[in-house]
Amino acid sequence: MKVCHVITRLIVGGAQENTLATCRGLRQRGYDVDLVIGPQTGPEGSLLPQVGDLPVTVLDELCREPNPLRDVRAAIALTRLFRQRRYDIVHTHSGKAGILGRLAARLAGIPVTVHTIHGPSFHPYQNPIGNWACRWAEQLAAEWTTQFVSVADAMTAQYQAAGVTGRYVTIRSGIDLAAYAVLPGSGTASRSASATDSGGTESGSATTETAPVVGMIARLFRLKGHDALFAAAPQIRAAVPGVKFLLIGDGPCRQEFERRAAVVGGFEFAGLVPPAAVPRYVGEMAVLVHLSLREGLPRSLVQALAGGKPVVAFDVDGAREVCVAGETGFLVPPGDVAGVATAVIRLLQDRELAARMGTRGRTMVREQFAEEQMVEQTDRLYQQLAAERR
């Protein structure tokens, strides 16, 4: 079966890692899989070095930013590509690639079109016109979609509430659990936690003294929740002297965040680290916080729980499907800085509770978030859709 996956950028991120893992897994199962991406831009890093023998086509026209002329060219280029290669299934990801890819698949006569919702393309933090335009585009593209795949049940609920009709199934974003089977460290910075530069290379020693570590894995970008952590940090430091805050990721707000962190104290920036290095950094943490104001299924929560670490998260989108309140961590109302501080302090001070939540989380992740399970479910879905088409 010939399948083409389309995503706007193959940067270091949850949706991109999900897409790449799915393509690799399907190829191992005998599928003829291609990947189409746009140009790599920005400080978030690239997954291109990890594609291996997966055929990848880079379309310069497929840019992330709205650009009517380039968008038309991208749709034409995708349509031409789909007609030439005569795919059985086109599977799109992300907002821009999702709209243009599904349009091109329809124009090219592709029999089955699948779209994965990694996160809502419309949200209340957009300007009203942009929010309306994204909703309208998703409603229109639904007419060209054979099957929606949601990484979280919350995504299905949001899209259906927005009038995006169609067939939905949840396939949770899986991770490579083997990398988290045995982690170094015990949630304290008793050894050197290496900082990295934006290229993902080690740039020096950060923490050497024994201290509990509160970690965060997120792009250094608006709406990712760094503001809330900066605000909560003084209260946490007062209750738990010596606590360290480790920020993993890079982005356009790095310089601003570094200035703010310097005022608060206790923060270290690991920078952009290769995905293979994330388990090691998780091993350094006592608690992971995820304070994004919009997300699909928070991958960092899955990574932390896979490593047996409890989590604290804002109760938005699919967070509650990973952070089960009182079982694997604490859910806090969005924007509740005092609630974040209270939850983190409790986990740092009550090691028995933290260990119990981490153990429960590790079990849950093994049951629901294995990479092999994600690929297996995708394989079964493709077979079902192909059978229905026949």
Foldseek 3Di string as FASTA:
>chain_A
DEEEEEEAAQFPDQQNVLVLLLQVLVVVVPYNYAYEYEDDDFLRHGCVVVNPPHHYHYDPLSHDDDDVVSLVVLLVVLLVVCLVVVGQEYEYEDQSRLLSNLSSCVVNVRLAYEYEDFFQPADPVDDPVSNVVSLVSLLVSLVSHQEYEALFVLVVVVNVVSVNDYHYDYQHRFDALVLQPDEDADQWPCDWDFADESHADTDDTDDHHTAGEEEEEDELDPQFALVLCLVLLVLLCVLGPPYAYEYEGYGDCVVVSVVSQVVSDRYDYNHYHPPSCVSHVLNNRQEYEGQGPTTAADVVLLSNLSNLFAYEYEPDHRPCVQRVDQAQAHYDHHPPSVVVNVRVNVSVVPVVSRNRNSVRSSVVCVVRHHSSSSSVVVVVVVVVSVVVSD
